[in-house]
Amino acid sequence: MEERDANFVEQVVKMLVDNPDDVNVDRTVDEMGVLITLSVHPDDMGMVIGREGSTAKALRTLLRVVGARNNARVNLKINEPEGSERPPRVEREPVTQEKKTLDEVVGDIQI
């Protein structure tokens, strides 16, 4: 299993990102198991994390499977690139709609 898990992560991430040369994977082993640390180009962080963390979650799930097949606990840490900034969250105005009765809604439908 030596390095197979790290190579797996590296190959998958290189296929996802726009800057594959900037993908760096480090593997360390301690009493807790295997820790794979992933670093990518700042512009590629969104591709690695995915919408609501879905891509990162899928990578971690696949790594657990790889580890389970080899009786090892494998964790993934994604390093946030230096200088990266998250834009401040923009609060939106709540959308208010006027309440209509069912008869009014049905009356608005044109056949």
PDB file of N, CA and C in Angstrom:
ATOM      1  N   MET A   1       0.823  -1.192   0.000  1.00  0.00           N
ATOM      2  CA  MET A   1       0.000   0.000   0.000  1.00  0.00           C
ATOM      3  C   MET A   1       0.867   1.255   0.000  1.00  0.00           C
ATOM      4  N   GLU A   2       2.129   1.079   0.340  1.00  0.00           N
ATOM      5  CA  GLU A   2       3.023   2.222   0.382  1.00  0.00           C
ATOM      6  C   GLU A   2       2.848   3.096  -0.853  1.00  0.00           C
ATOM      7  N   GLU A   3       2.494   4.328  -0.622  1.00  0.00           N
ATOM      8  CA  GLU A   3       2.397   5.338  -1.677  1.00  0.00           C
ATOM      9  C   GLU A   3       1.235   5.128  -2.653  1.00  0.00           C
ATOM     10  N   ARG A   4       0.576   3.969  -2.640  1.00  0.00           N
ATOM     11  CA  ARG A   4      -0.530   3.781  -3.582  1.00  0.00           C
ATOM     12  C   ARG A   4      -1.667   4.749  -3.304  1.00  0.00           C
ATOM     13  N   ASP A   5      -1.961   4.961  -2.030  1.00  0.00           N
ATOM     14  CA  ASP A   5      -3.038   5.877  -1.676  1.00  0.00           C
ATOM     15  C   ASP A   5      -2.691   7.306  -2.085  1.00  0.00           C
ATOM     16  N   ALA A   6      -1.461   7.723  -1.881  1.00  0.00           N
ATOM     17  CA  ALA A   6      -1.034   9.070  -2.269  1.00  0.00           C
ATOM     18  C   ALA A   6      -1.038   9.225  -3.786  1.00  0.00           C
ATOM     19  N   ASN A   7      -0.600   8.201  -4.492  1.00  0.00           N
ATOM     20  CA  ASN A   7      -0.623   8.251  -5.959  1.00  0.00           C
ATOM     21  C   ASN A   7      -2.051   8.323  -6.484  1.00  0.00           C
ATOM     22  N   PHE A   8      -2.953   7.606  -5.831  1.00  0.00           N
ATOM     23  CA  PHE A   8      -4.355   7.639  -6.215  1.00  0.00           C
ATOM     24  C   PHE A   8      -4.905   9.060  -6.110  1.00  0.00           C
ATOM     25  N   VAL A   9      -4.666   9.705  -4.962  1.00  0.00           N
ATOM     26  CA  VAL A   9      -5.153  11.072  -4.754  1.00  0.00           C
ATOM     27  C   VAL A   9      -4.528  12.011  -5.779  1.00  0.00           C
ATOM     28  N   GLU A  10      -3.242  11.880  -6.000  1.00  0.00           N
ATOM     29  CA  GLU A  10      -2.557  12.760  -6.943  1.00  0.00           C
ATOM     30  C   GLU A  10      -3.137  12.635  -8.351  1.00  0.00           C
ATOM     31  N   GLN A  11      -3.350  11.421  -8.812  1.00  0.00           N
ATOM     32  CA  GLN A  11      -3.869  11.213 -10.158  1.00  0.00           C
ATOM     33  C   GLN A  11      -5.287  11.743 -10.306  1.00  0.00           C
ATOM     34  N   VAL A  12      -6.138  11.504  -9.311  1.00  0.00           N
ATOM     35  CA  VAL A  12      -7.529  11.978  -9.381  1.00  0.00           C
ATOM     36  C   VAL A  12      -7.576  13.497  -9.377  1.00  0.00           C
ATOM     37  N   VAL A  13      -6.815  14.119  -8.491  1.00  0.00           N
ATOM     38  CA  VAL A  13      -6.840  15.575  -8.377  1.00  0.00           C
ATOM     39  C   VAL A  13      -6.253  16.224  -9.628  1.00  0.00           C
ATOM     40  N   LYS A  14      -5.209  15.650 -10.196  1.00  0.00           N
ATOM     41  CA  LYS A  14      -4.618  16.216 -11.416  1.00  0.00           C
ATOM     42  C   LYS A  14      -5.620  16.209 -12.571  1.00  0.00           C
ATOM     43  N   MET A  15      -6.535  15.241 -12.568  1.00  0.00           N
ATOM     44  CA  MET A  15      -7.556  15.209 -13.616  1.00  0.00           C
ATOM     45  C   MET A  15      -8.640  16.263 -13.395  1.00  0.00           C
ATOM     46  N   LEU A  16      -8.797  16.713 -12.159  1.00  0.00           N
ATOM     47  CA  LEU A  16      -9.847  17.678 -11.833  1.00  0.00           C
ATOM     48  C   LEU A  16      -9.441  19.129 -12.046  1.00  0.00           C
ATOM     49  N   VAL A  17      -8.172  19.447 -11.841  1.00  0.00           N
ATOM     50  CA  VAL A  17      -7.735  20.835 -11.771  1.00  0.00           C
ATOM     51  C   VAL A  17      -7.231  21.362 -13.106  1.00  0.00           C
ATOM     52  N   ASP A  18      -7.148  22.694 -13.185  1.00  0.00           N
ATOM     53  CA  ASP A  18      -6.624  23.355 -14.380  1.00  0.00           C
ATOM     54  C   ASP A  18      -5.104  23.479 -14.356  1.00  0.00           C
ATOM     55  N   ASN A  19      -4.498  23.394 -13.174  1.00  0.00           N
ATOM     56  CA  ASN A  19      -3.043  23.525 -13.017  1.00  0.00           C
ATOM     57  C   ASN A  19      -2.472  22.244 -12.400  1.00  0.00           C
ATOM     58  N   PRO A  20      -2.396  21.152 -13.161  1.00  0.00           N
ATOM     59  CA  PRO A  20      -1.955  19.878 -12.579  1.00  0.00           C
ATOM     60  C   PRO A  20      -0.502  19.892 -12.097  1.00  0.00           C
ATOM     61  N   ASP A  21       0.314  20.789 -12.633  1.00  0.00           N
ATOM     62  CA  ASP A  21       1.716  20.845 -12.194  1.00  0.00           C
ATOM     63  C   ASP A  21       1.848  21.379 -10.771  1.00  0.00           C
ATOM     64  N   ASP A  22       0.818  22.070 -10.274  1.00  0.00           N
ATOM     65  CA  ASP A  22       0.868  22.646  -8.935  1.00  0.00           C
ATOM     66  C   ASP A  22       0.284  21.720  -7.870  1.00  0.00           C
ATOM     67  N   VAL A  23      -0.100  20.506  -8.245  1.00  0.00           N
ATOM     68  CA  VAL A  23      -0.635  19.550  -7.277  1.00  0.00           C
ATOM     69  C   VAL A  23       0.521  18.915  -6.525  1.00  0.00           C
ATOM     70  N   ASN A  24       0.453  18.968  -5.201  1.00  0.00           N
ATOM     71  CA  ASN A  24       1.491  18.392  -4.356  1.00  0.00           C
ATOM     72  C   ASN A  24       0.822  17.526  -3.294  1.00  0.00           C
ATOM     73  N   VAL A  25       1.236  16.272  -3.200  1.00  0.00           N
ATOM     74  CA  VAL A  25       0.676  15.330  -2.242  1.00  0.00           C
ATOM     75  C   VAL A  25       1.796  14.835  -1.339  1.00  0.00           C
ATOM     76  N   ASP A  26       1.600  14.987  -0.021  1.00  0.00           N
ATOM     77  CA  ASP A  26       2.554  14.480   0.968  1.00  0.00           C
ATOM     78  C   ASP A  26       1.869  13.394   1.787  1.00  0.00           C
ATOM     79  N   ARG A  27       2.614  12.351   2.119  1.00  0.00           N
ATOM     80  CA  ARG A  27       2.061  11.225   2.871  1.00  0.00           C
ATOM     81  C   ARG A  27       2.891  11.033   4.123  1.00  0.00           C
ATOM     82  N   THR A  28       2.212  10.996   5.269  1.00  0.00           N
ATOM     83  CA  THR A  28       2.883  10.734   6.538  1.00  0.00           C
ATOM     84  C   THR A  28       2.141   9.620   7.261  1.00  0.00           C
ATOM     85  N   VAL A  29       2.886   8.811   7.988  1.00  0.00           N
ATOM     86  CA  VAL A  29       2.318   7.702   8.749  1.00  0.00           C
ATOM     87  C   VAL A  29       2.681   7.901  10.205  1.00  0.00           C
ATOM     88  N   ASP A  30       1.667   7.752  11.089  1.00  0.00           N
ATOM     89  CA  ASP A  30       1.908   7.814  12.523  1.00  0.00           C
ATOM     90  C   ASP A  30       1.006   6.798  13.206  1.00  0.00           C
ATOM     91  N   GLU A  31       0.911   6.873  14.526  1.00  0.00           N
ATOM     92  CA  GLU A  31       0.106   5.902  15.269  1.00  0.00           C
ATOM     93  C   GLU A  31      -1.390   6.017  14.970  1.00  0.00           C
ATOM     94  N   MET A  32      -1.831   7.156  14.439  1.00  0.00           N
ATOM     95  CA  MET A  32      -3.243   7.346  14.100  1.00  0.00           C
ATOM     96  C   MET A  32      -3.582   6.785  12.723  1.00  0.00           C
ATOM     97  N   GLY A  33      -2.594   6.531  11.899  1.00  0.00           N
ATOM     98  CA  GLY A  33      -2.826   6.024  10.554  1.00  0.00           C
ATOM     99  C   GLY A  33      -2.049   6.829   9.533  1.00  0.00           C
ATOM    100  N   VAL A  34      -2.614   6.907   8.347  1.00  0.00           N
ATOM    101  CA  VAL A  34      -1.961   7.597   7.235  1.00  0.00           C
ATOM    102  C   VAL A  34      -2.638   8.954   7.042  1.00  0.00           C
ATOM    103  N   LEU A  35      -1.844   9.993   6.920  1.00  0.00           N
ATOM    104  CA  LEU A  35      -2.355  11.329   6.637  1.00  0.00           C
ATOM    105  C   LEU A  35      -1.808  11.765   5.284  1.00  0.00           C
ATOM    106  N   ILE A  36      -2.726  12.055   4.370  1.00  0.00           N
ATOM    107  CA  ILE A  36      -2.345  12.564   3.056  1.00  0.00           C
ATOM    108  C   ILE A  36      -2.688  14.037   3.029  1.00  0.00           C
ATOM    109  N   THR A  37      -1.678  14.862   2.773  1.00  0.00           N
ATOM    110  CA  THR A  37      -1.856  16.303   2.736  1.00  0.00           C
ATOM    111  C   THR A  37      -1.791  16.758   1.288  1.00  0.00           C
ATOM    112  N   LEU A  38      -2.825  17.473   0.863  1.00  0.00           N
ATOM    113  CA  LEU A  38      -2.953  17.898  -0.526  1.00  0.00           C
ATOM    114  C   LEU A  38      -2.826  19.406  -0.622  1.00  0.00           C
ATOM    115  N   SER A  39      -1.986  19.866  -1.532  1.00  0.00           N
ATOM    116  CA  SER A  39      -1.839  21.291  -1.815  1.00  0.00           C
ATOM    117  C   SER A  39      -2.062  21.495  -3.306  1.00  0.00           C
ATOM    118  N   VAL A  40      -2.837  22.528  -3.648  1.00  0.00           N
ATOM    119  CA  VAL A  40      -3.128  22.831  -5.047  1.00  0.00           C
ATOM    120  C   VAL A  40      -2.994  24.328  -5.287  1.00  0.00           C
ATOM    121  N   HIS A  41      -3.036  24.718  -6.542  1.00  0.00           N
ATOM    122  CA  HIS A  41      -3.004  26.123  -6.936  1.00  0.00           C
ATOM    123  C   HIS A  41      -4.247  26.816  -6.360  1.00  0.00           C
ATOM    124  N   PRO A  42      -4.118  28.071  -5.913  1.00  0.00           N
ATOM    125  CA  PRO A  42      -5.273  28.767  -5.326  1.00  0.00           C
ATOM    126  C   PRO A  42      -6.500  28.821  -6.234  1.00  0.00           C
ATOM    127  N   ASP A  43      -6.284  28.904  -7.548  1.00  0.00           N
ATOM    128  CA  ASP A  43      -7.419  28.971  -8.471  1.00  0.00           C
ATOM    129  C   ASP A  43      -8.158  27.637  -8.580  1.00  0.00           C
ATOM    130  N   ASP A  44      -7.527  26.557  -8.146  1.00  0.00           N
ATOM    131  CA  ASP A  44      -8.127  25.228  -8.272  1.00  0.00           C
ATOM    132  C   ASP A  44      -8.824  24.746  -7.001  1.00  0.00           C
ATOM    133  N   MET A  45      -8.793  25.534  -5.947  1.00  0.00           N
ATOM    134  CA  MET A  45      -9.405  25.094  -4.694  1.00  0.00           C
ATOM    135  C   MET A  45     -10.881  24.767  -4.859  1.00  0.00           C
ATOM    136  N   GLY A  46     -11.593  25.549  -5.629  1.00  0.00           N
ATOM    137  CA  GLY A  46     -13.016  25.295  -5.825  1.00  0.00           C
ATOM    138  C   GLY A  46     -13.280  23.965  -6.492  1.00  0.00           C
ATOM    139  N   MET A  47     -12.417  23.582  -7.414  1.00  0.00           N
ATOM    140  CA  MET A  47     -12.583  22.301  -8.105  1.00  0.00           C
ATOM    141  C   MET A  47     -12.322  21.131  -7.160  1.00  0.00           C
ATOM    142  N   VAL A  48     -11.372  21.297  -6.249  1.00  0.00           N
ATOM    143  CA  VAL A  48     -11.025  20.223  -5.322  1.00  0.00           C
ATOM    144  C   VAL A  48     -12.079  20.095  -4.225  1.00  0.00           C
ATOM    145  N   ILE A  49     -12.566  21.217  -3.741  1.00  0.00           N
ATOM    146  CA  ILE A  49     -13.569  21.183  -2.675  1.00  0.00           C
ATOM    147  C   ILE A  49     -14.929  20.789  -3.237  1.00  0.00           C
ATOM    148  N   GLY A  50     -15.318  21.379  -4.352  1.00  0.00           N
ATOM    149  CA  GLY A  50     -16.611  21.066  -4.955  1.00  0.00           C
ATOM    150  C   GLY A  50     -17.735  21.842  -4.298  1.00  0.00           C
ATOM    151  N   ARG A  51     -18.904  21.762  -4.887  1.00  0.00           N
ATOM    152  CA  ARG A  51     -20.067  22.466  -4.351  1.00  0.00           C
ATOM    153  C   ARG A  51     -20.447  21.850  -3.016  1.00  0.00           C
ATOM    154  N   GLU A  52     -20.460  22.692  -1.991  1.00  0.00           N
ATOM    155  CA  GLU A  52     -20.770  22.289  -0.619  1.00  0.00           C
ATOM    156  C   GLU A  52     -19.858  21.159  -0.130  1.00  0.00           C
ATOM    157  N   GLY A  53     -18.645  21.092  -0.663  1.00  0.00           N
ATOM    158  CA  GLY A  53     -17.668  20.102  -0.214  1.00  0.00           C
ATOM    159  C   GLY A  53     -17.870  18.711  -0.772  1.00  0.00           C
ATOM    160  N   SER A  54     -18.676  18.583  -1.813  1.00  0.00           N
ATOM    161  CA  SER A  54     -19.007  17.247  -2.327  1.00  0.00           C
ATOM    162  C   SER A  54     -17.810  16.510  -2.908  1.00  0.00           C
ATOM    163  N   THR A  55     -16.936  17.207  -3.621  1.00  0.00           N
ATOM    164  CA  THR A  55     -15.779  16.545  -4.226  1.00  0.00           C
ATOM    165  C   THR A  55     -14.795  16.097  -3.148  1.00  0.00           C
ATOM    166  N   ALA A  56     -14.536  16.948  -2.180  1.00  0.00           N
ATOM    167  CA  ALA A  56     -13.631  16.586  -1.088  1.00  0.00           C
ATOM    168  C   ALA A  56     -14.200  15.411  -0.295  1.00  0.00           C
ATOM    169  N   LYS A  57     -15.488  15.420  -0.072  1.00  0.00           N
ATOM    170  CA  LYS A  57     -16.133  14.320   0.660  1.00  0.00           C
ATOM    171  C   LYS A  57     -16.006  13.013  -0.116  1.00  0.00           C
ATOM    172  N   ALA A  58     -16.185  13.076  -1.437  1.00  0.00           N
ATOM    173  CA  ALA A  58     -16.047  11.874  -2.264  1.00  0.00           C
ATOM    174  C   ALA A  58     -14.612  11.357  -2.242  1.00  0.00           C
ATOM    175  N   LEU A  59     -13.634  12.253  -2.301  1.00  0.00           N
ATOM    176  CA  LEU A  59     -12.234  11.832  -2.224  1.00  0.00           C
ATOM    177  C   LEU A  59     -11.946  11.138  -0.899  1.00  0.00           C
ATOM    178  N   ARG A  60     -12.461  11.694   0.184  1.00  0.00           N
ATOM    179  CA  ARG A  60     -12.245  11.085   1.499  1.00  0.00           C
ATOM    180  C   ARG A  60     -12.911   9.717   1.598  1.00  0.00           C
ATOM    181  N   THR A  61     -14.090   9.585   1.009  1.00  0.00           N
ATOM    182  CA  THR A  61     -14.780   8.295   1.024  1.00  0.00           C
ATOM    183  C   THR A  61     -13.983   7.249   0.253  1.00  0.00           C
ATOM    184  N   LEU A  62     -13.489   7.620  -0.927  1.00  0.00           N
ATOM    185  CA  LEU A  62     -12.683   6.689  -1.716  1.00  0.00           C
ATOM    186  C   LEU A  62     -11.397   6.306  -0.985  1.00  0.00           C
ATOM    187  N   LEU A  63     -10.805   7.267  -0.283  1.00  0.00           N
ATOM    188  CA  LEU A  63      -9.590   6.963   0.476  1.00  0.00           C
ATOM    189  C   LEU A  63      -9.878   6.001   1.625  1.00  0.00           C
ATOM    190  N   ARG A  64     -11.044   6.133   2.248  1.00  0.00           N
ATOM    191  CA  ARG A  64     -11.410   5.188   3.301  1.00  0.00           C
ATOM    192  C   ARG A  64     -11.520   3.777   2.744  1.00  0.00           C
ATOM    193  N   VAL A  65     -12.068   3.650   1.527  1.00  0.00           N
ATOM    194  CA  VAL A  65     -12.180   2.339   0.888  1.00  0.00           C
ATOM    195  C   VAL A  65     -10.798   1.775   0.588  1.00  0.00           C
ATOM    196  N   VAL A  66      -9.921   2.613   0.036  1.00  0.00           N
ATOM    197  CA  VAL A  66      -8.547   2.174  -0.250  1.00  0.00           C
ATOM    198  C   VAL A  66      -7.871   1.735   1.038  1.00  0.00           C
ATOM    199  N   GLY A  67      -8.049   2.495   2.090  1.00  0.00           N
ATOM    200  CA  GLY A  67      -7.443   2.142   3.371  1.00  0.00           C
ATOM    201  C   GLY A  67      -8.027   0.876   3.965  1.00  0.00           C
ATOM    202  N   ALA A  68      -9.341   0.706   3.866  1.00  0.00           N
ATOM    203  CA  ALA A  68      -9.984  -0.477   4.428  1.00  0.00           C
ATOM    204  C   ALA A  68      -9.502  -1.748   3.733  1.00  0.00           C
ATOM    205  N   ARG A  69      -9.262  -1.661   2.447  1.00  0.00           N
ATOM    206  CA  ARG A  69      -8.767  -2.831   1.712  1.00  0.00           C
ATOM    207  C   ARG A  69      -7.365  -3.223   2.167  1.00  0.00           C
ATOM    208  N   ASN A  70      -6.650  -2.277   2.762  1.00  0.00           N
ATOM    209  CA  ASN A  70      -5.276  -2.532   3.200  1.00  0.00           C
ATOM    210  C   ASN A  70      -5.123  -2.435   4.714  1.00  0.00           C
ATOM    211  N   ASN A  71      -6.247  -2.511   5.441  1.00  0.00           N
ATOM    212  CA  ASN A  71      -6.236  -2.461   6.909  1.00  0.00           C
ATOM    213  C   ASN A  71      -5.502  -1.238   7.454  1.00  0.00           C
ATOM    214  N   ALA A  72      -5.788  -0.081   6.881  1.00  0.00           N
ATOM    215  CA  ALA A  72      -5.165   1.162   7.332  1.00  0.00           C
ATOM    216  C   ALA A  72      -6.217   2.254   7.392  1.00  0.00           C
ATOM    217  N   ARG A  73      -6.001   3.192   8.268  1.00  0.00           N
ATOM    218  CA  ARG A  73      -6.878   4.357   8.366  1.00  0.00           C
ATOM    219  C   ARG A  73      -6.225   5.491   7.590  1.00  0.00           C
ATOM    220  N   VAL A  74      -6.916   5.989   6.574  1.00  0.00           N
ATOM    221  CA  VAL A  74      -6.350   7.022   5.705  1.00  0.00           C
ATOM    222  C   VAL A  74      -7.204   8.280   5.809  1.00  0.00           C
ATOM    223  N   ASN A  75      -6.573   9.405   6.095  1.00  0.00           N
ATOM    224  CA  ASN A  75      -7.254  10.699   6.180  1.00  0.00           C
ATOM    225  C   ASN A  75      -6.666  11.654   5.155  1.00  0.00           C
ATOM    226  N   LEU A  76      -7.509  12.583   4.704  1.00  0.00           N
ATOM    227  CA  LEU A  76      -7.085  13.583   3.721  1.00  0.00           C
ATOM    228  C   LEU A  76      -7.211  14.973   4.325  1.00  0.00           C
ATOM    229  N   LYS A  77      -6.122  15.726   4.236  1.00  0.00           N
ATOM    230  CA  LYS A  77      -6.111  17.125   4.667  1.00  0.00           C
ATOM    231  C   LYS A  77      -5.836  17.971   3.429  1.00  0.00           C
ATOM    232  N   ILE A  78      -6.690  18.966   3.194  1.00  0.00           N
ATOM    233  CA  ILE A  78      -6.506  19.853   2.054  1.00  0.00           C
ATOM    234  C   ILE A  78      -5.995  21.185   2.580  1.00  0.00           C
ATOM    235  N   ASN A  79      -4.777  21.545   2.189  1.00  0.00           N
ATOM    236  CA  ASN A  79      -4.185  22.811   2.637  1.00  0.00           C
ATOM    237  C   ASN A  79      -4.794  23.972   1.882  1.00  0.00           C
ATOM    238  N   GLU A  80      -5.140  25.011   2.616  1.00  0.00           N
ATOM    239  CA  GLU A  80      -5.604  26.241   1.973  1.00  0.00           C
ATOM    240  C   GLU A  80      -4.370  27.008   1.515  1.00  0.00           C
ATOM    241  N   PRO A  81      -4.308  27.395   0.252  1.00  0.00           N
ATOM    242  CA  PRO A  81      -3.119  28.080  -0.256  1.00  0.00           C
ATOM    243  C   PRO A  81      -2.903  29.424   0.430  1.00  0.00           C
ATOM    244  N   GLU A  82      -1.635  29.795   0.565  1.00  0.00           N
ATOM    245  CA  GLU A  82      -1.314  31.089   1.156  1.00  0.00           C
ATOM    246  C   GLU A  82      -1.838  32.202   0.273  1.00  0.00           C
ATOM    247  N   GLY A  83      -2.356  33.212   0.901  1.00  0.00           N
ATOM    248  CA  GLY A  83      -2.837  34.364   0.162  1.00  0.00           C
ATOM    249  C   GLY A  83      -4.243  34.205  -0.378  1.00  0.00           C
ATOM    250  N   SER A  84      -4.842  33.049  -0.166  1.00  0.00           N
ATOM    251  CA  SER A  84      -6.206  32.888  -0.672  1.00  0.00           C
ATOM    252  C   SER A  84      -7.167  33.580   0.286  1.00  0.00           C
ATOM    253  N   GLU A  85      -8.135  34.192  -0.278  1.00  0.00           N
ATOM    254  CA  GLU A  85      -9.131  34.897   0.524  1.00  0.00           C
ATOM    255  C   GLU A  85     -10.512  34.485   0.060  1.00  0.00           C
ATOM    256  N   ARG A  86     -11.348  34.260   1.022  1.00  0.00           N
ATOM    257  CA  ARG A  86     -12.737  34.000   0.687  1.00  0.00           C
ATOM    258  C   ARG A  86     -13.449  35.334   0.641  1.00  0.00           C
ATOM    259  N   PRO A  87     -14.222  35.555  -0.399  1.00  0.00           N
ATOM    260  CA  PRO A  87     -14.944  36.821  -0.445  1.00  0.00           C
ATOM    261  C   PRO A  87     -15.983  36.849   0.674  1.00  0.00           C
ATOM    262  N   PRO A  88     -16.247  38.035   1.208  1.00  0.00           N
ATOM    263  CA  PRO A  88     -17.238  38.102   2.284  1.00  0.00           C
ATOM    264  C   PRO A  88     -18.599  37.669   1.767  1.00  0.00           C
ATOM    265  N   ARG A  89     -19.332  37.022   2.639  1.00  0.00           N
ATOM    266  CA  ARG A  89     -20.654  36.542   2.272  1.00  0.00           C
ATOM    267  C   ARG A  89     -21.598  37.722   2.130  1.00  0.00           C
ATOM    268  N   VAL A  90     -22.316  37.756   1.034  1.00  0.00           N
ATOM    269  CA  VAL A  90     -23.240  38.845   0.767  1.00  0.00           C
ATOM    270  C   VAL A  90     -24.617  38.432   1.282  1.00  0.00           C
ATOM    271  N   GLU A  91     -25.120  39.222   2.196  1.00  0.00           N
ATOM    272  CA  GLU A  91     -26.459  38.954   2.720  1.00  0.00           C
ATOM    273  C   GLU A  91     -27.482  39.458   1.720  1.00  0.00           C
ATOM    274  N   ARG A  92     -28.452  38.640   1.450  1.00  0.00           N
ATOM    275  CA  ARG A  92     -29.490  39.027   0.499  1.00  0.00           C
ATOM    276  C   ARG A  92     -30.767  39.400   1.236  1.00  0.00           C
ATOM    277  N   GLU A  93     -31.523  40.245   0.573  1.00  0.00           N
ATOM    278  CA  GLU A  93     -32.824  40.617   1.117  1.00  0.00           C
ATOM    279  C   GLU A  93     -33.759  39.419   0.993  1.00  0.00           C
ATOM    280  N   PRO A  94     -34.518  39.122   2.030  1.00  0.00           N
ATOM    281  CA  PRO A  94     -35.464  38.014   1.904  1.00  0.00           C
ATOM    282  C   PRO A  94     -36.549  38.352   0.884  1.00  0.00           C
ATOM    283  N   VAL A  95     -36.919  37.353   0.139  1.00  0.00           N
ATOM    284  CA  VAL A  95     -37.948  37.528  -0.878  1.00  0.00           C
ATOM    285  C   VAL A  95     -39.302  37.405  -0.199  1.00  0.00           C
ATOM    286  N   THR A  96     -40.103  38.435  -0.368  1.00  0.00           N
ATOM    287  CA  THR A  96     -41.448  38.385   0.205  1.00  0.00           C
ATOM    288  C   THR A  96     -42.447  38.367  -0.937  1.00  0.00           C
ATOM    289  N   GLN A  97     -43.400  37.500  -0.810  1.00  0.00           N
ATOM    290  CA  GLN A  97     -44.439  37.406  -1.811  1.00  0.00           C
ATOM    291  C   GLN A  97     -45.772  37.674  -1.131  1.00  0.00           C
ATOM    292  N   GLU A  98     -46.635  38.322  -1.886  1.00  0.00           N
ATOM    293  CA  GLU A  98     -47.949  38.558  -1.314  1.00  0.00           C
ATOM    294  C   GLU A  98     -48.709  37.245  -1.291  1.00  0.00           C
ATOM    295  N   LYS A  99     -49.480  37.071  -0.254  1.00  0.00           N
ATOM    296  CA  LYS A  99     -50.251  35.844  -0.090  1.00  0.00           C
ATOM    297  C   LYS A  99     -51.493  35.909  -0.969  1.00  0.00           C
ATOM    298  N   LYS A 100     -51.738  34.823  -1.689  1.00  0.00           N
ATOM    299  CA  LYS A 100     -52.926  34.720  -2.520  1.00  0.00           C
ATOM    300  C   LYS A 100     -53.732  33.512  -2.077  1.00  0.00           C
ATOM    301  N   THR A 101     -54.990  33.608  -2.269  1.00  0.00           N
ATOM    302  CA  THR A 101     -55.833  32.457  -1.988  1.00  0.00           C
ATOM    303  C   THR A 101     -55.746  31.492  -3.154  1.00  0.00           C
ATOM    304  N   LEU A 102     -56.197  30.290  -2.940  1.00  0.00           N
ATOM    305  CA  LEU A 102     -56.185  29.284  -3.988  1.00  0.00           C
ATOM    306  C   LEU A 102     -57.025  29.731  -5.175  1.00  0.00           C
ATOM    307  N   ASP A 103     -58.164  30.378  -4.911  1.00  0.00           N
ATOM    308  CA  ASP A 103     -59.017  30.854  -6.004  1.00  0.00           C
ATOM    309  C   ASP A 103     -58.307  31.909  -6.849  1.00  0.00           C
ATOM    310  N   GLU A 104     -57.525  32.786  -6.217  1.00  0.00           N
ATOM    311  CA  GLU A 104     -56.788  33.812  -6.946  1.00  0.00           C
ATOM    312  C   GLU A 104     -55.697  33.183  -7.823  1.00  0.00           C
ATOM    313  N   VAL A 105     -55.005  32.189  -7.291  1.00  0.00           N
ATOM    314  CA  VAL A 105     -53.961  31.509  -8.046  1.00  0.00           C
ATOM    315  C   VAL A 105     -54.568  30.791  -9.246  1.00  0.00           C
ATOM    316  N   VAL A 106     -55.668  30.076  -9.027  1.00  0.00           N
ATOM    317  CA  VAL A 106     -56.328  29.372 -10.119  1.00  0.00           C
ATOM    318  C   VAL A 106     -56.864  30.365 -11.144  1.00  0.00           C
ATOM    319  N   GLY A 107     -57.361  31.515 -10.675  1.00  0.00           N
ATOM    320  CA  GLY A 107     -57.867  32.522 -11.582  1.00  0.00           C
ATOM    321  C   GLY A 107     -56.771  33.144 -12.452  1.00  0.00           C
ATOM    322  N   ASP A 108     -55.516  33.154 -11.958  1.00  0.00           N
ATOM    323  CA  ASP A 108     -54.389  33.696 -12.724  1.00  0.00           C
ATOM    324  C   ASP A 108     -53.912  32.754 -13.824  1.00  0.00           C
ATOM    325  N   ILE A 109     -54.274  31.489 -13.744  1.00  0.00           N
ATOM    326  CA  ILE A 109     -53.830  30.520 -14.745  1.00  0.00           C
ATOM    327  C   ILE A 109     -54.664  30.708 -16.016  1.00  0.00           C
ATOM    328  N   GLN A 110     -53.972  30.875 -17.095  1.00  0.00           N
ATOM    329  CA  GLN A 110     -54.666  31.051 -18.388  1.00  0.00           C
ATOM    330  C   GLN A 110     -54.582  29.735 -19.165  1.00  0.00           C
ATOM    331  N   ILE A 111     -55.693  29.343 -19.660  1.00  0.00           N
ATOM    332  CA  ILE A 111     -55.737  28.093 -20.421  1.00  0.00           C
ATOM    333  C   ILE A 111     -55.736  28.378 -21.887  1.00  0.00           C
TER     334      ILE A 111
END
